[in-house]
Protein backbone atom coordinates (compact mmCIF):
# COMPACT_ATOMS: atom_id res chain seq x y z
CA UNK A 1 -18.95 6.46 18.38
CA UNK A 2 -16.42 9.20 17.64
CA UNK A 3 -16.40 12.68 19.12
CA UNK A 4 -14.02 15.37 17.91
CA UNK A 5 -14.31 19.11 18.46
CA UNK A 6 -12.15 19.54 15.39
CA UNK A 7 -14.87 18.06 13.17
CA UNK A 8 -16.89 21.15 12.26
CA UNK A 9 -18.54 20.15 9.00
CA UNK A 10 -22.27 19.43 8.95
CA UNK A 11 -22.04 15.87 7.58
CA UNK A 12 -19.91 14.94 10.59
CA UNK A 13 -21.63 17.00 13.29
CA UNK A 14 -24.93 18.53 12.09
CA UNK A 15 -25.38 22.19 13.01
CA UNK A 16 -27.96 24.92 12.63
CA UNK A 17 -30.80 22.40 12.41
CA UNK A 18 -34.37 23.25 13.38
CA UNK A 19 -35.20 22.90 17.07
CA UNK A 20 -38.93 23.11 17.88
CA UNK A 21 -40.03 25.45 20.67
CA UNK A 22 -42.60 23.83 22.96
CA UNK A 23 -42.76 26.81 25.28
CA UNK A 24 -41.62 27.09 28.88
CA UNK A 25 -40.95 23.76 30.58
CA UNK A 26 -43.80 22.60 32.85
CA UNK A 27 -41.43 22.18 35.80
CA UNK A 28 -40.30 25.79 35.47
CA UNK A 29 -43.91 26.97 35.28
CA UNK A 30 -44.79 24.96 38.39
CA UNK A 31 -41.70 26.25 40.26
CA UNK A 32 -42.48 29.85 39.30
CA UNK A 33 -46.06 29.50 40.53
CA UNK A 34 -44.83 27.87 43.75
CA UNK A 35 -42.44 30.78 44.38
CA UNK A 36 -45.26 33.26 43.75
CA UNK A 37 -47.51 31.47 46.26
CA UNK A 38 -44.73 31.41 48.88
CA UNK A 39 -44.00 35.10 48.37
CA UNK A 40 -47.65 35.96 48.99
CA UNK A 41 -47.87 33.69 52.05
CA UNK A 42 -44.58 34.91 53.59
CA UNK A 43 -45.01 38.54 52.55
CA UNK A 44 -41.52 38.79 51.09
CA UNK A 45 -40.16 39.01 47.56
CA UNK A 46 -37.49 36.51 46.56
CA UNK A 47 -34.59 38.29 44.87
CA UNK A 48 -31.70 36.29 43.43
CA UNK A 49 -28.86 37.77 41.40
CA UNK A 50 -25.33 36.64 40.52
CA UNK A 51 -24.33 40.29 40.77
CA UNK A 52 -24.98 40.25 44.52
CA UNK A 53 -21.62 39.05 45.76
CA UNK A 54 -21.44 40.47 49.30
CA UNK A 55 -21.74 38.13 52.24
CA UNK A 56 -24.76 39.84 53.85
CA UNK A 57 -26.68 39.20 50.62
CA UNK A 58 -25.32 35.80 49.68
CA UNK A 59 -23.20 34.23 52.47
CA UNK A 60 -19.95 32.64 51.27
CA UNK A 61 -17.03 30.72 52.71
CA UNK A 62 -19.12 29.44 55.60
CA UNK A 63 -18.31 26.24 57.45
CA UNK A 64 -19.63 23.04 55.91
CA UNK A 65 -19.43 20.00 58.22
CA UNK A 66 -18.07 16.73 56.85
CA UNK A 67 -20.16 13.79 58.00
CA UNK A 68 -18.06 11.27 56.08
CA UNK A 69 -19.10 8.95 53.29
CA UNK A 70 -22.84 8.74 52.69
CA UNK A 71 -24.50 5.74 54.33
CA UNK A 72 -26.01 4.56 51.04
CA UNK A 73 -22.55 4.48 49.43
CA UNK A 74 -21.15 2.55 52.39
CA UNK A 75 -24.01 0.02 52.15
CA UNK A 76 -23.49 -0.42 48.40
CA UNK A 77 -19.74 -0.90 48.82
CA UNK A 78 -20.38 -3.42 51.60
CA UNK A 79 -22.91 -5.31 49.43
CA UNK A 80 -20.41 -5.42 46.54
CA UNK A 81 -17.72 -6.72 48.89
CA UNK A 82 -20.02 -9.52 50.10
CA UNK A 83 -20.95 -10.48 46.52
CA UNK A 84 -17.30 -10.51 45.42
CA UNK A 85 -16.41 -12.89 48.25
CA UNK A 86 -19.34 -15.20 47.50
CA UNK A 87 -18.58 -15.32 43.78
CA UNK A 88 -14.79 -15.26 44.25
CA UNK A 89 -14.65 -12.57 41.59
CA UNK A 90 -13.53 -8.96 41.72
CA UNK A 91 -15.89 -6.41 40.17
CA UNK A 92 -14.01 -4.09 37.83
CA UNK A 93 -15.58 -1.22 35.93
CA UNK A 94 -13.73 1.13 33.60
CA UNK A 95 -14.78 3.40 30.75
CA UNK A 96 -11.45 2.54 29.11
CA UNK A 97 -12.51 -1.08 28.71
CA UNK A 98 -14.14 -0.91 25.27
CA UNK A 99 -13.42 -4.32 23.79
CA UNK A 100 -16.14 -6.97 23.55
CA UNK A 101 -14.42 -9.59 25.74
CA UNK A 102 -14.32 -7.07 28.58
CA UNK A 103 -17.68 -5.40 28.05
CA UNK A 104 -19.83 -7.44 25.63
CA UNK A 105 -21.60 -5.47 22.94
CA UNK A 106 -24.06 -6.17 20.13
CA UNK A 107 -25.29 -9.29 21.90
CA UNK A 108 -28.70 -10.85 21.31
CA UNK A 109 -31.56 -9.36 23.31
CA UNK A 110 -34.71 -11.52 23.35
CA UNK A 111 -38.06 -9.92 22.63
CA UNK A 112 -40.69 -11.09 25.10
CA UNK A 113 -43.41 -8.95 23.56
CA UNK A 114 -45.38 -6.15 25.13
CA UNK A 115 -44.87 -5.69 28.87
CA UNK A 116 -47.54 -7.32 31.03
CA UNK A 117 -48.25 -4.04 32.80
CA UNK A 118 -49.04 -2.36 29.48
CA UNK A 119 -51.21 -5.27 28.36
CA UNK A 120 -53.15 -5.19 31.64
CA UNK A 121 -53.59 -1.43 31.44
CA UNK A 122 -54.91 -1.66 27.88
CA UNK A 123 -57.27 -4.47 28.88
CA UNK A 124 -58.52 -2.45 31.86
CA UNK A 125 -59.09 0.56 29.62
CA UNK A 126 -61.10 -1.54 27.15
CA UNK A 127 -63.23 -2.98 29.97
CA UNK A 128 -63.95 0.50 31.33
CA UNK A 129 -64.88 1.78 27.87
CA UNK A 130 -67.24 -1.18 27.43
CA UNK A 131 -68.91 -0.67 30.82
CA UNK A 132 -69.26 3.10 30.37
CA UNK A 133 -70.12 2.80 26.66
CA UNK A 134 -67.68 5.59 25.99
CA UNK A 135 -64.49 5.66 23.94
CA UNK A 136 -61.72 7.60 25.64
CA UNK A 137 -59.86 9.56 22.97
CA UNK A 138 -57.56 12.20 24.51
CA UNK A 139 -56.67 14.99 22.12
CA UNK A 140 -53.49 17.04 22.24
CA UNK A 141 -54.24 20.76 22.19
CA UNK A 142 -51.04 22.72 21.72
CA UNK A 143 -48.59 21.79 24.47
CA UNK A 144 -51.06 19.91 26.66
CA UNK A 145 -53.60 17.08 26.48
CA UNK A 146 -57.32 17.72 26.75
CA UNK A 147 -59.81 15.50 28.59
CA UNK A 148 -57.12 14.02 30.81
CA UNK A 149 -57.91 12.97 34.40
CA UNK A 150 -56.35 15.23 37.01
CA UNK A 151 -56.23 15.46 40.77
CA UNK A 152 -58.33 18.09 42.48
CA UNK A 153 -56.80 21.11 44.13
CA UNK A 154 -55.67 20.82 47.74
CA UNK A 155 -58.78 22.64 48.94
CA UNK A 156 -60.94 19.79 47.63
CA UNK A 157 -59.68 17.68 50.52
CA UNK A 158 -60.81 19.99 53.36
CA UNK A 159 -64.22 20.10 55.00
CA UNK A 160 -65.13 23.55 53.77
CA UNK A 161 -65.81 25.25 50.46
CA UNK A 162 -64.51 28.63 51.60
CA UNK A 163 -60.96 28.04 50.40
CA UNK A 164 -59.64 30.39 47.69
CA UNK A 165 -58.77 27.36 45.60
CA UNK A 166 -61.25 25.34 43.60
CA UNK A 167 -60.95 21.98 41.90
CA UNK A 168 -61.18 23.69 38.52
CA UNK A 169 -57.71 25.10 39.17
CA UNK A 170 -56.14 21.78 38.25
CA UNK A 171 -58.14 20.92 35.16
CA UNK A 172 -55.89 20.12 32.23
CA UNK A 173 -57.43 22.57 29.82
CA UNK A 174 -54.27 24.68 29.92
CA UNK A 175 -56.07 27.76 31.17
CA UNK A 176 -55.58 27.87 34.91
CA UNK A 177 -53.61 24.81 35.96
CA UNK A 178 -51.70 25.32 39.19
CA UNK A 179 -52.35 29.08 39.39
CA UNK A 180 -54.32 29.19 42.63
CA UNK A 181 -52.58 31.41 45.19
CA UNK A 182 -52.64 30.70 48.89
CA UNK A 183 -54.14 33.41 51.06
CA UNK A 184 -51.89 32.61 54.03
CA UNK A 185 -52.93 30.63 57.09
CA UNK A 186 -56.21 28.67 56.76
CA UNK A 187 -59.38 30.41 57.79
CA UNK A 188 -61.12 29.30 60.96
CA UNK A 189 -63.87 27.76 58.83
CA UNK A 190 -61.28 25.36 57.36
CA UNK A 191 -59.98 24.19 60.75
CA UNK A 192 -62.10 21.52 62.38
CA UNK A 193 -61.88 22.16 66.13
CA UNK A 194 -64.97 20.21 67.20
CA UNK A 195 -64.64 17.02 69.17
CA UNK A 196 -65.17 13.73 67.37
CA UNK A 197 -66.13 11.38 70.23
CA UNK A 198 -65.56 7.70 69.72
CA UNK A 199 -68.49 6.83 71.98
CA UNK A 200 -72.00 8.18 71.99
CA UNK A 201 -73.71 9.74 75.03
CA UNK A 202 -75.08 6.28 75.84
CA UNK A 203 -71.60 4.91 76.43
CA UNK A 204 -69.08 2.78 74.55
CA UNK A 205 -71.25 -0.30 74.17
CA UNK A 206 -71.01 -0.33 70.37
CA UNK A 207 -67.41 -1.53 70.49
CA UNK A 208 -67.66 -4.15 73.23
CA UNK A 209 -66.33 -7.62 72.49
CA UNK A 210 -69.18 -9.93 71.58
CA UNK A 211 -69.86 -12.94 73.81
CA UNK A 212 -68.61 -16.30 72.64
CA UNK A 213 -65.47 -17.35 70.74
CA UNK A 214 -63.82 -14.74 68.49
CA UNK A 215 -64.69 -14.84 64.81
CA UNK A 216 -61.05 -14.71 63.69
CA UNK A 217 -57.99 -16.87 64.49
CA UNK A 218 -55.82 -15.78 67.39
CA UNK A 219 -52.56 -16.91 69.03
CA UNK A 220 -51.69 -19.20 66.13
CA UNK A 221 -48.16 -20.43 65.40
CA UNK A 222 -45.93 -18.12 63.34
CA UNK A 223 -42.71 -19.75 62.02
CA UNK A 224 -39.43 -17.88 62.42
CA UNK A 225 -37.28 -17.96 59.27
CA UNK A 226 -34.59 -15.73 60.73
CA UNK A 227 -33.48 -12.28 59.65
CA UNK A 228 -34.71 -11.23 56.20
CA UNK A 229 -32.13 -11.65 53.42
CA UNK A 230 -32.46 -8.03 52.35
CA UNK A 231 -31.70 -6.86 55.88
CA UNK A 232 -28.63 -9.12 56.04
CA UNK A 233 -27.35 -7.85 52.70
CA UNK A 234 -27.94 -4.24 53.68
């Protein structure tokens, strides 16, 4: 691979080629909707501008504490050190090492066929289609897929149907996905304040231990193999 900013001709570095426009990225759409929901809930408009350079607007030059090297980096360095001592070999990595003896290239990669997870998923799909006597054929409609399974809106998981959201808000028909706006704190109808007693008015006799020996093993021997290898390496 060669990269040179001096190479400006199309045969070397293609330019002005067609780039398809698939519309606004889904993450940006979701973030924009999330900001809109938060603004409604908080009652404040988020304003961000690079032109606002004063400290009261965008604080600058504030103190940032230094907590030292991240724990994950320390653990990785420690694990590498242990491996180097066990293998009696020093790990060296450099982007300048481009020769095959240092960093092998163009070596044989075996083909073990389709991944087992994909095979199992395809088999499960075929079984479901056979049981339901229905062929699942998702169709792409513009920038989204139709007839795709989707999770219900958050309000589908509360014990009330008075929420402003409905499960249709998350259907993947491209019309109203993720556009439901929160109305602020939950209404009293959505908050379950009633007691959920474990025992009935007759007492707690339904959970008493039955007479006789237990129906499951207890106090059996559990061997101790020492500290887990992963914990030791970490």
